[in-house]
Amino acid sequence: MLPFECTILVATAGQGILRSNDQGQTWHRLGLKEAIEFDGTVRALAVDPARPERIYAGADAGLCISEDGGVHWRRPDNLLNGQAVWSIAVDPRDPLVLFAGTGAPSRAAIYRSRDAGETWSRLPPDIPEFCAGVNRPRLLTICIDPDDSREIWFGIEEGGAWRSRDGGDSWVRIDEGRAGNIRNSDIHAITVLPAQADAPKTALVLTVNCVHRSTDDGVHWEGELSRDRFDGLYYTRTVQRLPDSDRLLLAMGDGTPGRRTRIYQSDDRAQTWTESRIDSPPNSTVWAFGVHAARPELVFAGTKYGDLYRSDDGGRRWHKEWRAFSEITAVAWTPTKADLVAHPQSTQ
């Protein structure tokens, strides 16, 4: 595939954000005196759908914003300052509206911004400070319905799956209390496929050990334990919908960090899955995907222990990039070539 201008961003626990503007040939660390430390922890990345040079990062210091494709960062003075931000979602219909989720070591909570991240308000519910599985919960996933921005979902490790039908003003927990429901409170990922002429809206909620699927607006959920469905792999890490498509990518592993991992693909709205081809064995569980609507077939995947993979065919085949990273927490790319300059204290 012919190269084109873009910037790849890899968020890590321990090296801040690494960035490349030359298709991954060279990599640049963050410079000094940025709002994100060059050796900090960044858990989430999101690209503004209307302004691809505008990037959001959820860091150990709060919610940070770049206006130049990830070269420089600022941290507005608001409620998220000093909190660990684990997840970010931008409303595809109104990019001024954002949601952010916090978590360990901060108190887990869901926040909303109506001015592109400058100010934030905390939303209900009041999430307990501690939980059985990971001590302090973390809000790992936020999903905005692609057809209806009033429909918002989020999931907590560990604290359940929650849904709002009024843009985040009120929430209902959906993973407990009814037969045929989601039976695990350890939620890793949520995504929604819009209705098509021949298919109803489809919602997916991933728990640590199962892919749950609903085609009746969440009234009923179906799911089979992952270890029985995915070649003995139980650790159900994350799912990624390719932009403007029914195509899904699923990351599975044998634990966290894990030693064995696979990527599966589905073109029938998660009814069936087939294994993707990875040309070099990953060193740990695939942790995160990075996609963009400008080129849906270009996908990046990062593993827990720092392997980065690239697919140029929508996730059917993957090849490993040369650069090794510290723990990868999120990956994104944007069709903007950032003006990156190597700082004296940075490495490429």
Protein backbone atom coordinates (compact mmCIF):
# COMPACT_ATOMS: atom_id res chain seq x y z
CA MET A 1 0.00 0.00 0.00
CA LEU A 2 1.30 3.45 -0.90
CA PRO A 3 2.35 5.65 2.02
CA PHE A 4 0.37 8.72 2.93
CA GLU A 5 0.65 11.50 5.47
CA CYS A 6 -0.36 10.54 8.98
CA THR A 7 0.81 10.54 12.57
CA ILE A 8 0.79 7.40 14.70
CA LEU A 9 0.47 7.80 18.47
CA VAL A 10 1.25 5.04 20.96
CA ALA A 11 0.25 5.63 24.58
CA THR A 12 2.27 3.81 27.22
CA ALA A 13 2.64 3.28 30.92
CA GLY A 14 6.11 4.71 31.51
CA GLN A 15 7.05 6.51 28.28
CA GLY A 16 4.16 8.92 27.86
CA ILE A 17 3.18 9.04 24.18
CA LEU A 18 5.50 7.96 21.37
CA ARG A 19 4.74 9.53 17.97
CA SER A 20 5.77 8.87 14.38
CA ASN A 21 5.09 10.97 11.27
CA ASP A 22 6.95 8.75 8.80
CA GLN A 23 4.96 5.51 8.80
CA GLY A 24 6.76 4.20 11.89
CA GLN A 25 10.33 4.50 10.59
CA THR A 26 11.32 6.85 13.44
CA TRP A 27 9.65 7.61 16.77
CA HIS A 28 9.72 10.70 18.97
CA ARG A 29 9.17 10.96 22.69
CA LEU A 30 7.35 13.91 24.21
CA GLY A 31 9.47 16.98 24.80
CA LEU A 32 10.19 18.70 28.07
CA LYS A 33 7.74 21.07 29.76
CA GLU A 34 4.69 19.41 28.21
CA ALA A 35 1.44 18.84 30.12
CA ILE A 36 2.18 15.11 29.85
CA GLU A 37 5.49 13.95 31.26
CA PHE A 38 7.73 12.18 28.74
CA ASP A 39 7.95 9.25 31.18
CA GLY A 40 4.35 9.45 32.37
CA THR A 41 1.40 7.09 32.08
CA VAL A 42 -1.22 7.67 29.38
CA ARG A 43 -4.25 5.35 29.31
CA ALA A 44 -6.46 6.66 26.51
CA LEU A 45 -6.29 8.46 23.15
CA ALA A 46 -9.06 9.94 21.00
CA VAL A 47 -8.98 11.92 17.74
CA ASP A 48 -11.51 14.68 17.08
CA PRO A 49 -13.63 13.44 14.13
CA ALA A 50 -14.05 16.97 12.75
CA ARG A 51 -10.51 18.26 13.36
CA PRO A 52 -7.97 15.45 12.93
CA GLU A 53 -5.12 17.59 14.26
CA ARG A 54 -6.91 17.76 17.63
CA ILE A 55 -6.04 14.84 19.92
CA TYR A 56 -7.22 14.02 23.43
CA ALA A 57 -5.14 12.01 25.88
CA GLY A 58 -6.16 10.54 29.20
CA ALA A 59 -3.08 10.69 31.43
CA ASP A 60 -2.09 10.20 35.03
CA ALA A 61 -2.22 14.00 35.32
CA GLY A 62 -5.70 14.45 33.82
CA LEU A 63 -7.24 15.13 30.40
CA CYS A 64 -4.76 16.72 27.98
CA ILE A 65 -5.35 18.28 24.55
CA SER A 66 -3.14 18.69 21.49
CA GLU A 67 -4.03 21.05 18.66
CA ASP A 68 -1.15 20.03 16.37
CA GLY A 69 -1.39 16.29 15.90
CA GLY A 70 0.29 15.36 19.16
CA VAL A 71 3.39 17.58 19.08
CA HIS A 72 2.47 19.78 22.04
CA TRP A 73 -0.05 19.28 24.84
CA ARG A 74 -1.92 21.44 27.29
CA ARG A 75 -4.04 20.56 30.31
CA PRO A 76 -7.05 22.85 30.91
CA ASP A 77 -7.78 23.77 34.50
CA ASN A 78 -10.85 21.69 35.34
CA LEU A 79 -12.23 18.82 37.46
CA LEU A 80 -10.06 16.20 35.76
CA ASN A 81 -6.74 17.78 36.74
CA GLY A 82 -4.69 15.36 38.80
CA GLN A 83 -7.00 12.44 38.11
CA ALA A 84 -6.09 9.28 36.20
CA VAL A 85 -8.18 9.26 33.01
CA TRP A 86 -8.70 5.75 31.60
CA SER A 87 -11.19 6.31 28.77
CA ILE A 88 -12.38 9.04 26.39
CA ALA A 89 -15.23 9.20 23.86
CA VAL A 90 -16.02 12.02 21.41
CA ASP A 91 -19.56 12.44 20.12
CA PRO A 92 -19.34 11.76 16.36
CA ARG A 93 -22.30 14.06 15.68
CA ASP A 94 -21.24 16.89 17.96
CA PRO A 95 -17.46 16.83 18.66
CA LEU A 96 -17.86 19.51 21.32
CA VAL A 97 -19.37 16.81 23.54
CA LEU A 98 -16.93 14.45 25.22
CA PHE A 99 -17.10 11.83 27.94
CA ALA A 100 -14.21 10.73 30.11
CA GLY A 101 -13.83 7.97 32.67
CA THR A 102 -11.44 7.93 35.61
CA GLY A 103 -10.08 5.12 37.75
CA ALA A 104 -7.26 3.71 39.85
CA PRO A 105 -5.55 5.30 41.66
CA SER A 106 -8.25 7.98 41.35
CA ARG A 107 -11.91 7.42 42.25
CA ALA A 108 -13.79 5.87 39.32
CA ALA A 109 -16.35 8.25 37.81
CA ILE A 110 -17.90 9.36 34.50
CA TYR A 111 -17.56 12.98 33.35
CA ARG A 112 -19.04 15.02 30.49
CA SER A 113 -17.77 18.08 28.64
CA ARG A 114 -19.82 20.27 26.31
CA ASP A 115 -16.99 22.56 25.24
CA ALA A 116 -14.42 20.17 23.71
CA GLY A 117 -12.73 19.29 26.97
CA GLU A 118 -12.20 22.73 28.47
CA THR A 119 -14.62 22.19 31.37
CA TRP A 120 -16.17 19.03 32.82
CA SER A 121 -19.05 18.02 35.06
CA ARG A 122 -19.25 14.80 37.04
CA LEU A 123 -22.25 12.63 36.25
CA PRO A 124 -24.06 9.96 38.23
CA PRO A 125 -23.80 7.17 39.30
CA ASP A 126 -21.66 7.21 42.43
CA ILE A 127 -19.25 4.32 41.86
CA PRO A 128 -17.86 2.57 44.97
CA GLU A 129 -14.26 3.41 45.82
CA PHE A 130 -13.21 -0.25 46.10
CA CYS A 131 -14.15 -3.53 44.46
CA ALA A 132 -13.26 -7.19 44.91
CA GLY A 133 -11.26 -7.84 41.75
CA VAL A 134 -8.83 -4.94 41.21
CA ASN A 135 -9.16 -3.05 44.53
CA ARG A 136 -9.85 0.36 42.96
CA PRO A 137 -12.19 0.23 39.93
CA ARG A 138 -11.32 1.83 36.62
CA LEU A 139 -13.74 2.95 33.91
CA LEU A 140 -12.26 1.18 30.88
CA THR A 141 -14.75 1.84 28.09
CA ILE A 142 -17.23 4.48 26.88
CA CYS A 143 -19.38 4.06 23.77
CA ILE A 144 -21.62 6.66 22.12
CA ASP A 145 -24.30 5.21 19.86
CA PRO A 146 -23.31 6.12 16.27
CA ASP A 147 -26.94 6.88 15.35
CA ASP A 148 -28.23 8.46 18.55
CA SER A 149 -25.93 10.58 20.69
CA ARG A 150 -28.38 10.44 23.57
CA GLU A 151 -27.49 6.75 23.96
CA ILE A 152 -24.28 6.39 25.98
CA TRP A 153 -22.73 3.25 27.45
CA PHE A 154 -19.81 2.75 29.82
CA GLY A 155 -18.20 -0.20 31.57
CA ILE A 156 -16.12 -0.57 34.72
CA GLU A 157 -13.45 -3.02 35.79
CA GLU A 158 -15.03 -4.03 38.16
CA GLY A 159 -18.39 -2.31 38.55
CA GLY A 160 -20.68 -3.35 35.73
CA ALA A 161 -22.08 -2.04 32.46
CA TRP A 162 -24.16 1.15 32.50
CA ARG A 163 -26.41 2.81 29.95
CA SER A 164 -27.92 6.29 29.53
CA ARG A 165 -30.76 7.23 27.19
CA ASP A 166 -30.63 10.96 27.93
CA GLY A 167 -27.11 11.98 27.01
CA GLY A 168 -25.60 11.05 30.36
CA ASP A 169 -27.95 12.79 32.77
CA SER A 170 -29.13 9.48 34.24
CA TRP A 171 -27.87 5.88 34.05
CA VAL A 172 -29.17 2.34 34.50
CA ARG A 173 -26.97 -0.64 35.28
CA ILE A 174 -27.60 -3.46 32.80
CA ASP A 175 -25.45 -6.36 33.99
CA GLU A 176 -27.44 -7.69 36.92
CA GLY A 177 -30.90 -8.65 38.05
CA ARG A 178 -32.44 -10.38 35.01
CA ALA A 179 -32.27 -13.82 33.44
CA GLY A 180 -30.36 -14.01 30.17
CA ASN A 181 -28.34 -11.00 31.15
CA ILE A 182 -24.64 -10.11 31.48
CA ARG A 183 -23.43 -12.11 34.45
CA ASN A 184 -20.00 -10.60 35.15
CA SER A 185 -19.26 -7.12 36.49
CA ASP A 186 -15.74 -6.99 35.03
CA ILE A 187 -16.43 -4.99 31.84
CA HIS A 188 -13.61 -4.53 29.33
CA ALA A 189 -15.22 -3.03 26.19
CA ILE A 190 -18.54 -1.96 24.67
CA THR A 191 -19.41 -1.16 21.06
CA VAL A 192 -22.61 -0.61 19.08
CA LEU A 193 -23.25 -1.40 15.41
CA PRO A 194 -26.00 0.76 13.87
CA ALA A 195 -29.05 -0.83 12.32
CA GLN A 196 -28.89 -1.74 8.63
CA ALA A 197 -31.65 -2.57 6.15
CA ASP A 198 -31.11 -6.29 6.77
CA ALA A 199 -29.91 -6.22 10.40
CA PRO A 200 -31.05 -4.66 13.67
CA LYS A 201 -28.86 -2.50 15.86
CA THR A 202 -26.34 -4.76 17.59
CA ALA A 203 -24.70 -4.06 20.93
CA LEU A 204 -21.62 -5.90 22.21
CA VAL A 205 -20.53 -5.91 25.84
CA LEU A 206 -17.25 -7.67 26.61
CA THR A 207 -16.66 -9.02 30.07
CA VAL A 208 -13.33 -10.48 31.10
CA ASN A 209 -14.41 -13.93 29.89
CA CYS A 210 -17.26 -13.53 27.40
CA VAL A 211 -18.56 -11.59 24.37
CA HIS A 212 -22.20 -10.67 25.05
CA ARG A 213 -24.40 -9.71 22.08
CA SER A 214 -27.86 -8.13 21.93
CA THR A 215 -30.03 -7.42 18.89
CA ASP A 216 -33.17 -6.28 20.74
CA ASP A 217 -31.97 -3.03 22.34
CA GLY A 218 -30.44 -4.77 25.32
CA VAL A 219 -33.52 -6.66 26.46
CA HIS A 220 -31.78 -10.01 26.02
CA TRP A 221 -28.12 -10.93 25.75
CA GLU A 222 -26.48 -14.03 24.34
CA GLY A 223 -22.96 -15.14 25.07
CA GLU A 224 -20.75 -18.20 25.30
CA LEU A 225 -17.68 -18.37 27.51
CA SER A 226 -14.65 -17.25 25.51
CA ARG A 227 -12.54 -20.26 26.45
CA ASP A 228 -15.16 -22.48 24.77
CA ARG A 229 -15.35 -20.29 21.68
CA PHE A 230 -11.85 -18.95 21.03
CA ASP A 231 -9.44 -21.88 21.11
CA GLY A 232 -9.15 -21.97 24.89
CA LEU A 233 -8.34 -18.27 25.29
CA TYR A 234 -10.42 -16.78 28.07
CA TYR A 235 -9.10 -13.22 28.49
CA THR A 236 -11.50 -11.14 26.40
CA ARG A 237 -9.60 -7.90 26.08
CA THR A 238 -11.25 -5.53 23.61
CA VAL A 239 -13.30 -5.17 20.43
CA GLN A 240 -12.94 -2.58 17.66
CA ARG A 241 -15.44 -1.66 14.99
CA LEU A 242 -13.84 -0.49 11.77
CA PRO A 243 -15.18 2.95 10.79
CA ASP A 244 -18.36 2.98 8.67
CA SER A 245 -18.40 -0.80 8.56
CA ASP A 246 -19.89 -3.91 10.15
CA ARG A 247 -16.39 -5.35 10.39
CA LEU A 248 -15.17 -6.11 13.91
CA LEU A 249 -11.79 -7.00 15.37
CA LEU A 250 -11.51 -8.85 18.66
CA ALA A 251 -8.41 -9.20 20.86
CA MET A 252 -8.16 -12.38 22.94
CA GLY A 253 -5.43 -13.65 25.24
CA ASP A 254 -4.62 -16.26 27.85
CA GLY A 255 -4.38 -13.70 30.64
CA THR A 256 -2.89 -10.38 31.63
CA PRO A 257 -0.21 -9.74 30.53
CA GLY A 258 -0.48 -13.17 28.98
CA ARG A 259 1.84 -15.16 26.73
CA ARG A 260 -0.54 -16.26 24.00
CA THR A 261 -2.87 -13.97 22.05
CA ARG A 262 -4.93 -13.89 18.86
CA ILE A 263 -6.91 -11.38 16.84
CA TYR A 264 -10.25 -12.50 15.46
CA GLN A 265 -12.37 -10.84 12.78
CA SER A 266 -16.09 -10.81 12.07
CA ASP A 267 -18.06 -9.51 9.09
CA ASP A 268 -21.49 -10.71 10.28
CA ARG A 269 -21.98 -8.51 13.35
CA ALA A 270 -20.24 -10.86 15.81
CA GLN A 271 -22.22 -13.98 14.96
CA THR A 272 -19.07 -15.79 13.81
CA TRP A 273 -15.35 -15.10 14.13
CA THR A 274 -12.29 -16.18 12.16
CA GLU A 275 -8.67 -15.89 13.22
CA SER A 276 -6.47 -13.23 11.65
CA ARG A 277 -2.96 -13.97 10.46
CA ILE A 278 -0.11 -12.50 12.54
CA ASP A 279 3.30 -12.87 10.88
CA SER A 280 5.33 -12.78 14.11
CA PRO A 281 4.09 -14.13 17.48
CA PRO A 282 3.15 -11.33 19.91
CA ASN A 283 4.91 -11.23 23.26
CA SER A 284 1.70 -10.78 25.31
CA THR A 285 -2.03 -10.15 25.00
CA VAL A 286 -3.13 -7.65 22.35
CA TRP A 287 -4.35 -4.71 24.41
CA ALA A 288 -5.54 -1.95 22.07
CA PHE A 289 -6.48 -1.11 18.47
CA GLY A 290 -6.10 2.18 16.59
CA VAL A 291 -8.30 3.12 13.60
CA HIS A 292 -9.45 6.21 11.70
CA ALA A 293 -12.24 6.83 9.20
CA ALA A 294 -9.82 8.42 6.72
CA ARG A 295 -8.48 4.96 5.91
CA PRO A 296 -10.53 2.21 7.59
CA GLU A 297 -8.33 -0.60 6.29
CA LEU A 298 -5.29 0.76 8.20
CA VAL A 299 -5.31 -0.62 11.73
CA PHE A 300 -2.69 -0.70 14.49
CA ALA A 301 -2.64 -3.07 17.44
CA GLY A 302 -0.50 -2.89 20.57
CA THR A 303 0.27 -5.59 23.11
CA LYS A 304 0.56 -5.35 26.86
CA TYR A 305 4.35 -5.76 26.72
CA GLY A 306 4.97 -3.27 23.95
CA ASP A 307 4.76 -4.99 20.55
CA LEU A 308 3.16 -2.85 17.84
CA TYR A 309 1.48 -4.43 14.80
CA ARG A 310 0.09 -2.93 11.61
CA SER A 311 -2.58 -4.19 9.20
CA ASP A 312 -3.22 -2.64 5.78
CA ASP A 313 -6.20 -4.84 4.95
CA GLY A 314 -8.67 -4.23 7.76
CA GLY A 315 -7.15 -6.66 10.22
CA ARG A 316 -6.91 -9.79 8.09
CA ARG A 317 -3.12 -9.91 8.24
CA TRP A 318 -0.71 -8.23 10.64
CA HIS A 319 2.99 -7.52 10.58
CA LYS A 320 5.15 -6.39 13.48
CA GLU A 321 6.71 -2.94 13.54
CA TRP A 322 10.41 -2.70 14.39
CA ARG A 323 10.08 -0.43 17.43
CA ALA A 324 9.67 -1.94 20.92
CA PHE A 325 7.71 0.09 23.48
CA SER A 326 7.05 -0.09 27.17
CA GLU A 327 3.57 -1.26 28.18
CA ILE A 328 1.13 -0.16 25.46
CA THR A 329 -2.18 1.14 26.79
CA ALA A 330 -3.76 2.79 23.71
CA VAL A 331 -3.03 3.38 20.02
CA ALA A 332 -4.39 5.99 17.61
CA TRP A 333 -3.52 7.49 14.25
CA THR A 334 -4.61 10.67 12.55
CA PRO A 335 -4.44 11.80 8.89
CA THR A 336 -2.34 14.79 9.93
CA LYS A 337 1.44 14.90 9.61
CA ALA A 338 2.61 16.36 12.89
CA ASP A 339 5.67 18.60 12.82
CA LEU A 340 7.80 16.41 15.07
CA VAL A 341 11.31 17.46 16.01
CA ALA A 342 13.64 15.25 18.04
CA HIS A 343 14.48 16.89 21.35
CA PRO A 344 18.01 16.51 22.73
CA GLN A 345 16.64 14.39 25.58
CA SER A 346 14.44 12.28 23.32
CA THR A 347 15.17 9.08 21.44
CA GLN A 348 13.91 8.07 18.06
